[in-house]
Amino acid sequence: MTLPDGLRLRRAHPQDLDDVMWLEHASFPTDAWSASQMSGELYSPHGYYVVVETTGEGASTVVGYAGLSSLPGNPVADVQTIAVSAEHRGQGIGRTLFTELLDEARRRGVHEVFLEVRADNPVAQTMYTGFGFEQIAVRPRYYQPDGADAWVMRAELPPVSAAPPRTGPGPIGQETFDA
């Protein structure tokens, strides 16, 4: 996936906490994670968090983030969270973030990915379905304090050898390209 000009995808680091928390509260006003929960995720050796940030003049701004959790050797991963600022939605940023999470899951040898999505969020549900996820359960009143239900969704990932060849940059931070 290609990001619009002026944006870049990179691995998140703990110094991104303030920017991520601002976006977390803007995106999820009734059920945002706490700063301590998010900090734990950013520091976790089992997590993989990425951000999309602006690259123009001046200080960069985080406009999207996403996270995955997977224990070493475990063939299962969970998408923890994904958010894009309201003014940057509809530009493919969410798809880019989600693609990177699934690519990391494949690099970790994961065969199955799970996530929860609000039952009242058809835009996200449509995106996940487009990636091959299917609804397998409902968690009643999962999101608090408003009591919205969550859909539990699942997808099987093909083994790395069966995955389509990469034609762009390799994992974030690497400068490799397939010929």
C-alpha atoms as a PDB file:
ATOM      1  CA  MET A   1       0.000   0.000   0.000  1.00  0.00           C
ATOM      2  CA  THR A   2       1.188   3.478  -0.762  1.00  0.00           C
ATOM      3  CA  LEU A   3       0.627   6.371   1.603  1.00  0.00           C
ATOM      4  CA  PRO A   4      -0.250   9.843   0.355  1.00  0.00           C
ATOM      5  CA  ASP A   5       2.645  12.266  -0.082  1.00  0.00           C
ATOM      6  CA  GLY A   6       3.781  13.831   3.163  1.00  0.00           C
ATOM      7  CA  LEU A   7       3.133  10.726   5.279  1.00  0.00           C
ATOM      8  CA  ARG A   8       5.350   7.853   6.357  1.00  0.00           C
ATOM      9  CA  LEU A   9       4.904   4.559   8.183  1.00  0.00           C
ATOM     10  CA  ARG A  10       7.370   3.658  10.921  1.00  0.00           C
ATOM     11  CA  ARG A  11       7.695   1.495  13.997  1.00  0.00           C
ATOM     12  CA  ALA A  12       6.230   3.154  17.075  1.00  0.00           C
ATOM     13  CA  HIS A  13       8.400   3.826  20.107  1.00  0.00           C
ATOM     14  CA  PRO A  14       7.562   4.774  23.707  1.00  0.00           C
ATOM     15  CA  GLN A  15       8.232   8.450  22.958  1.00  0.00           C
ATOM     16  CA  ASP A  16       5.095   8.378  20.764  1.00  0.00           C
ATOM     17  CA  LEU A  17       2.875   7.824  23.816  1.00  0.00           C
ATOM     18  CA  ASP A  18       1.572  11.413  24.098  1.00  0.00           C
ATOM     19  CA  ASP A  19       0.704  11.625  20.393  1.00  0.00           C
ATOM     20  CA  VAL A  20      -0.878   8.172  20.387  1.00  0.00           C
ATOM     21  CA  MET A  21      -2.915   8.986  23.512  1.00  0.00           C
ATOM     22  CA  TRP A  22      -4.175  12.236  21.981  1.00  0.00           C
ATOM     23  CA  LEU A  23      -5.377  10.279  18.953  1.00  0.00           C
ATOM     24  CA  GLU A  24      -6.723   7.464  21.166  1.00  0.00           C
ATOM     25  CA  HIS A  25      -8.958   9.891  23.080  1.00  0.00           C
ATOM     26  CA  ALA A  26     -10.049  11.688  19.897  1.00  0.00           C
ATOM     27  CA  SER A  27     -10.920   8.376  18.206  1.00  0.00           C
ATOM     28  CA  PHE A  28     -12.454   6.524  21.151  1.00  0.00           C
ATOM     29  CA  PRO A  29     -13.901   9.171  23.484  1.00  0.00           C
ATOM     30  CA  THR A  30     -15.982   6.765  25.587  1.00  0.00           C
ATOM     31  CA  ASP A  31     -13.663   3.765  25.760  1.00  0.00           C
ATOM     32  CA  ALA A  32     -10.099   4.982  25.238  1.00  0.00           C
ATOM     33  CA  TRP A  33      -7.263   2.992  26.718  1.00  0.00           C
ATOM     34  CA  SER A  34      -5.439   4.564  29.652  1.00  0.00           C
ATOM     35  CA  ALA A  35      -1.948   5.959  29.205  1.00  0.00           C
ATOM     36  CA  SER A  36      -0.568   3.181  31.415  1.00  0.00           C
ATOM     37  CA  GLN A  37      -2.242   0.489  29.273  1.00  0.00           C
ATOM     38  CA  MET A  38      -0.905   2.026  26.063  1.00  0.00           C
ATOM     39  CA  SER A  39       2.550   2.521  27.565  1.00  0.00           C
ATOM     40  CA  GLY A  40       2.596  -1.160  28.518  1.00  0.00           C
ATOM     41  CA  GLU A  41       1.763  -2.041  24.928  1.00  0.00           C
ATOM     42  CA  LEU A  42       4.494   0.184  23.480  1.00  0.00           C
ATOM     43  CA  TYR A  43       7.078  -1.351  25.840  1.00  0.00           C
ATOM     44  CA  SER A  44       5.884  -4.956  25.493  1.00  0.00           C
ATOM     45  CA  PRO A  45       8.355  -7.347  23.849  1.00  0.00           C
ATOM     46  CA  HIS A  46       5.344  -9.200  22.412  1.00  0.00           C
ATOM     47  CA  GLY A  47       3.791  -6.163  20.778  1.00  0.00           C
ATOM     48  CA  TYR A  48       4.355  -4.611  17.396  1.00  0.00           C
ATOM     49  CA  TYR A  49       3.088  -1.050  17.072  1.00  0.00           C
ATOM     50  CA  VAL A  50       3.370   1.215  14.064  1.00  0.00           C
ATOM     51  CA  VAL A  51       2.450   4.820  13.405  1.00  0.00           C
ATOM     52  CA  VAL A  52       1.804   6.930  10.347  1.00  0.00           C
ATOM     53  CA  GLU A  53       3.134  10.447  10.750  1.00  0.00           C
ATOM     54  CA  THR A  54       3.413  13.615   8.729  1.00  0.00           C
ATOM     55  CA  THR A  55       6.770  14.394   7.131  1.00  0.00           C
ATOM     56  CA  GLY A  56       6.339  18.058   6.201  1.00  0.00           C
ATOM     57  CA  GLU A  57       8.242  20.969   7.632  1.00  0.00           C
ATOM     58  CA  GLY A  58       8.147  21.364  11.378  1.00  0.00           C
ATOM     59  CA  ALA A  59       7.412  18.718  13.944  1.00  0.00           C
ATOM     60  CA  SER A  60       5.869  15.504  12.674  1.00  0.00           C
ATOM     61  CA  THR A  61       2.370  14.579  13.823  1.00  0.00           C
ATOM     62  CA  VAL A  62       1.057  11.065  14.358  1.00  0.00           C
ATOM     63  CA  VAL A  63      -2.113  10.671  12.277  1.00  0.00           C
ATOM     64  CA  GLY A  64      -2.615   6.927  12.736  1.00  0.00           C
ATOM     65  CA  TYR A  65      -1.416   3.988  14.778  1.00  0.00           C
ATOM     66  CA  ALA A  66      -2.009   0.265  15.073  1.00  0.00           C
ATOM     67  CA  GLY A  67      -0.804  -2.590  17.238  1.00  0.00           C
ATOM     68  CA  LEU A  68      -0.472  -6.358  17.198  1.00  0.00           C
ATOM     69  CA  SER A  69       0.307  -8.769  20.023  1.00  0.00           C
ATOM     70  CA  SER A  70       1.792 -12.232  19.607  1.00  0.00           C
ATOM     71  CA  LEU A  71       3.808 -14.353  22.003  1.00  0.00           C
ATOM     72  CA  PRO A  72       6.990 -15.936  20.601  1.00  0.00           C
ATOM     73  CA  GLY A  73       6.283 -19.252  18.916  1.00  0.00           C
ATOM     74  CA  ASN A  74       2.528 -18.822  19.208  1.00  0.00           C
ATOM     75  CA  PRO A  75       0.733 -19.317  15.882  1.00  0.00           C
ATOM     76  CA  VAL A  76      -1.989 -16.877  16.988  1.00  0.00           C
ATOM     77  CA  ALA A  77      -1.941 -13.057  17.132  1.00  0.00           C
ATOM     78  CA  ASP A  78      -4.385 -10.385  18.206  1.00  0.00           C
ATOM     79  CA  VAL A  79      -4.879  -6.988  16.633  1.00  0.00           C
ATOM     80  CA  GLN A  80      -4.927  -4.759  19.690  1.00  0.00           C
ATOM     81  CA  THR A  81      -5.962  -1.427  18.233  1.00  0.00           C
ATOM     82  CA  ILE A  82      -6.030   0.731  15.128  1.00  0.00           C
ATOM     83  CA  ALA A  83      -6.981   4.387  14.730  1.00  0.00           C
ATOM     84  CA  VAL A  84      -6.680   7.124  12.121  1.00  0.00           C
ATOM     85  CA  SER A  85      -7.355  10.801  12.793  1.00  0.00           C
ATOM     86  CA  ALA A  86     -10.720  11.991  11.481  1.00  0.00           C
ATOM     87  CA  GLU A  87      -9.142  14.444   9.027  1.00  0.00           C
ATOM     88  CA  HIS A  88      -6.974  11.693   7.485  1.00  0.00           C
ATOM     89  CA  ARG A  89      -9.613   8.975   7.079  1.00  0.00           C
ATOM     90  CA  GLY A  90     -10.478   7.740   3.612  1.00  0.00           C
ATOM     91  CA  GLN A  91      -6.875   8.001   2.350  1.00  0.00           C
ATOM     92  CA  GLY A  92      -5.867   4.353   2.774  1.00  0.00           C
ATOM     93  CA  ILE A  93      -3.969   4.942   6.024  1.00  0.00           C
ATOM     94  CA  GLY A  94      -5.984   2.357   7.965  1.00  0.00           C
ATOM     95  CA  ARG A  95      -5.418  -0.208   5.212  1.00  0.00           C
ATOM     96  CA  THR A  96      -1.677   0.529   5.224  1.00  0.00           C
ATOM     97  CA  LEU A  97      -1.472   0.146   9.004  1.00  0.00           C
ATOM     98  CA  PHE A  98      -3.503  -3.067   8.929  1.00  0.00           C
ATOM     99  CA  THR A  99      -1.443  -4.506   6.072  1.00  0.00           C
ATOM    100  CA  GLU A 100       1.731  -3.882   8.073  1.00  0.00           C
ATOM    101  CA  LEU A 101       0.267  -5.677  11.115  1.00  0.00           C
ATOM    102  CA  LEU A 102      -0.636  -8.705   9.004  1.00  0.00           C
ATOM    103  CA  ASP A 103       2.798  -8.685   7.370  1.00  0.00           C
ATOM    104  CA  GLU A 104       4.408  -8.683  10.827  1.00  0.00           C
ATOM    105  CA  ALA A 105       2.159 -11.537  11.918  1.00  0.00           C
ATOM    106  CA  ARG A 106       3.387 -13.546   8.908  1.00  0.00           C
ATOM    107  CA  ARG A 107       7.010 -12.695   9.735  1.00  0.00           C
ATOM    108  CA  ARG A 108       6.362 -14.069  13.239  1.00  0.00           C
ATOM    109  CA  GLY A 109       4.987 -17.330  11.845  1.00  0.00           C
ATOM    110  CA  VAL A 110       1.413 -16.584  12.883  1.00  0.00           C
ATOM    111  CA  HIS A 111      -1.300 -18.658  11.192  1.00  0.00           C
ATOM    112  CA  GLU A 112      -4.405 -17.113  12.739  1.00  0.00           C
ATOM    113  CA  VAL A 113      -5.265 -13.505  13.640  1.00  0.00           C
ATOM    114  CA  PHE A 114      -8.142 -12.355  15.840  1.00  0.00           C
ATOM    115  CA  LEU A 115      -9.615  -8.931  16.541  1.00  0.00           C
ATOM    116  CA  GLU A 116     -12.618  -7.264  18.110  1.00  0.00           C
ATOM    117  CA  VAL A 117     -14.501  -4.493  16.348  1.00  0.00           C
ATOM    118  CA  ARG A 118     -17.472  -2.471  17.508  1.00  0.00           C
ATOM    119  CA  ALA A 119     -20.739  -3.877  16.186  1.00  0.00           C
ATOM    120  CA  ASP A 120     -21.712  -0.297  15.293  1.00  0.00           C
ATOM    121  CA  ASN A 121     -18.613   0.335  13.114  1.00  0.00           C
ATOM    122  CA  PRO A 122     -19.512  -0.871   9.591  1.00  0.00           C
ATOM    123  CA  VAL A 123     -16.563   0.953   7.975  1.00  0.00           C
ATOM    124  CA  ALA A 124     -14.011  -1.051   9.994  1.00  0.00           C
ATOM    125  CA  GLN A 125     -16.012  -4.264   9.580  1.00  0.00           C
ATOM    126  CA  THR A 126     -15.964  -3.822   5.804  1.00  0.00           C
ATOM    127  CA  MET A 127     -12.201  -3.243   5.801  1.00  0.00           C
ATOM    128  CA  TYR A 128     -11.547  -6.352   7.897  1.00  0.00           C
ATOM    129  CA  THR A 129     -13.860  -8.469   5.745  1.00  0.00           C
ATOM    130  CA  GLY A 130     -11.926  -7.265   2.695  1.00  0.00           C
ATOM    131  CA  PHE A 131      -8.787  -8.723   4.281  1.00  0.00           C
ATOM    132  CA  GLY A 132     -10.475 -12.111   4.653  1.00  0.00           C
ATOM    133  CA  PHE A 133     -11.681 -11.793   8.247  1.00  0.00           C
ATOM    134  CA  GLU A 134     -14.976 -13.349   9.214  1.00  0.00           C
ATOM    135  CA  GLN A 135     -17.200 -12.747  12.201  1.00  0.00           C
ATOM    136  CA  ILE A 136     -17.075 -15.761  14.528  1.00  0.00           C
ATOM    137  CA  ALA A 137     -18.762 -14.459  17.693  1.00  0.00           C
ATOM    138  CA  VAL A 138     -20.297 -11.474  19.462  1.00  0.00           C
ATOM    139  CA  ARG A 139     -19.153 -10.195  22.838  1.00  0.00           C
ATOM    140  CA  PRO A 140     -22.211  -8.503  24.347  1.00  0.00           C
ATOM    141  CA  ARG A 141     -21.630  -5.097  25.975  1.00  0.00           C
ATOM    142  CA  TYR A 142     -17.832  -5.447  25.417  1.00  0.00           C
ATOM    143  CA  TYR A 143     -17.133  -1.744  24.998  1.00  0.00           C
ATOM    144  CA  GLN A 144     -17.666   0.204  28.195  1.00  0.00           C
ATOM    145  CA  PRO A 145     -19.092   2.473  29.448  1.00  0.00           C
ATOM    146  CA  ASP A 146     -21.553   2.690  26.524  1.00  0.00           C
ATOM    147  CA  GLY A 147     -22.173  -1.080  26.355  1.00  0.00           C
ATOM    148  CA  ALA A 148     -21.638  -1.550  22.622  1.00  0.00           C
ATOM    149  CA  ASP A 149     -21.258  -5.128  21.439  1.00  0.00           C
ATOM    150  CA  ALA A 150     -18.033  -6.340  19.833  1.00  0.00           C
ATOM    151  CA  TRP A 151     -17.766  -8.630  16.866  1.00  0.00           C
ATOM    152  CA  VAL A 152     -14.963 -11.143  17.240  1.00  0.00           C
ATOM    153  CA  MET A 153     -13.363 -11.638  13.841  1.00  0.00           C
ATOM    154  CA  ARG A 154     -10.790 -14.159  12.660  1.00  0.00           C
ATOM    155  CA  ALA A 155      -8.650 -14.817   9.610  1.00  0.00           C
ATOM    156  CA  GLU A 156      -6.214 -17.544   8.672  1.00  0.00           C
ATOM    157  CA  LEU A 157      -2.929 -16.358   7.228  1.00  0.00           C
ATOM    158  CA  PRO A 158      -1.193 -18.341   4.515  1.00  0.00           C
ATOM    159  CA  PRO A 159       2.314 -19.527   5.406  1.00  0.00           C
ATOM    160  CA  VAL A 160       5.074 -17.125   4.432  1.00  0.00           C
ATOM    161  CA  SER A 161       6.098 -19.388   1.554  1.00  0.00           C
ATOM    162  CA  ALA A 162       2.543 -19.202   0.165  1.00  0.00           C
ATOM    163  CA  ALA A 163       2.193 -15.459   0.673  1.00  0.00           C
ATOM    164  CA  PRO A 164       2.383 -13.298  -2.445  1.00  0.00           C
ATOM    165  CA  PRO A 165       5.899 -11.967  -3.106  1.00  0.00           C
ATOM    166  CA  ARG A 166       6.650  -8.499  -1.792  1.00  0.00           C
ATOM    167  CA  THR A 167       7.297  -5.930  -4.468  1.00  0.00           C
ATOM    168  CA  GLY A 168       8.095  -2.913  -2.292  1.00  0.00           C
ATOM    169  CA  PRO A 169      10.190  -2.156   0.741  1.00  0.00           C
ATOM    170  CA  GLY A 170      10.839  -4.872   3.274  1.00  0.00           C
ATOM    171  CA  PRO A 171       9.923  -4.660   6.945  1.00  0.00           C
ATOM    172  CA  ILE A 172       9.996  -1.194   8.426  1.00  0.00           C
ATOM    173  CA  GLY A 173      13.529   0.026   8.960  1.00  0.00           C
ATOM    174  CA  GLN A 174      15.005  -2.194   6.269  1.00  0.00           C
ATOM    175  CA  GLU A 175      16.002  -0.990   2.846  1.00  0.00           C
ATOM    176  CA  THR A 176      15.516  -4.242   0.961  1.00  0.00           C
ATOM    177  CA  PHE A 177      13.556  -4.670  -2.239  1.00  0.00           C
ATOM    178  CA  ASP A 178      12.647  -7.758  -4.169  1.00  0.00           C
ATOM    179  CA  ALA A 179      13.928  -7.793  -7.713  1.00  0.00           C
END
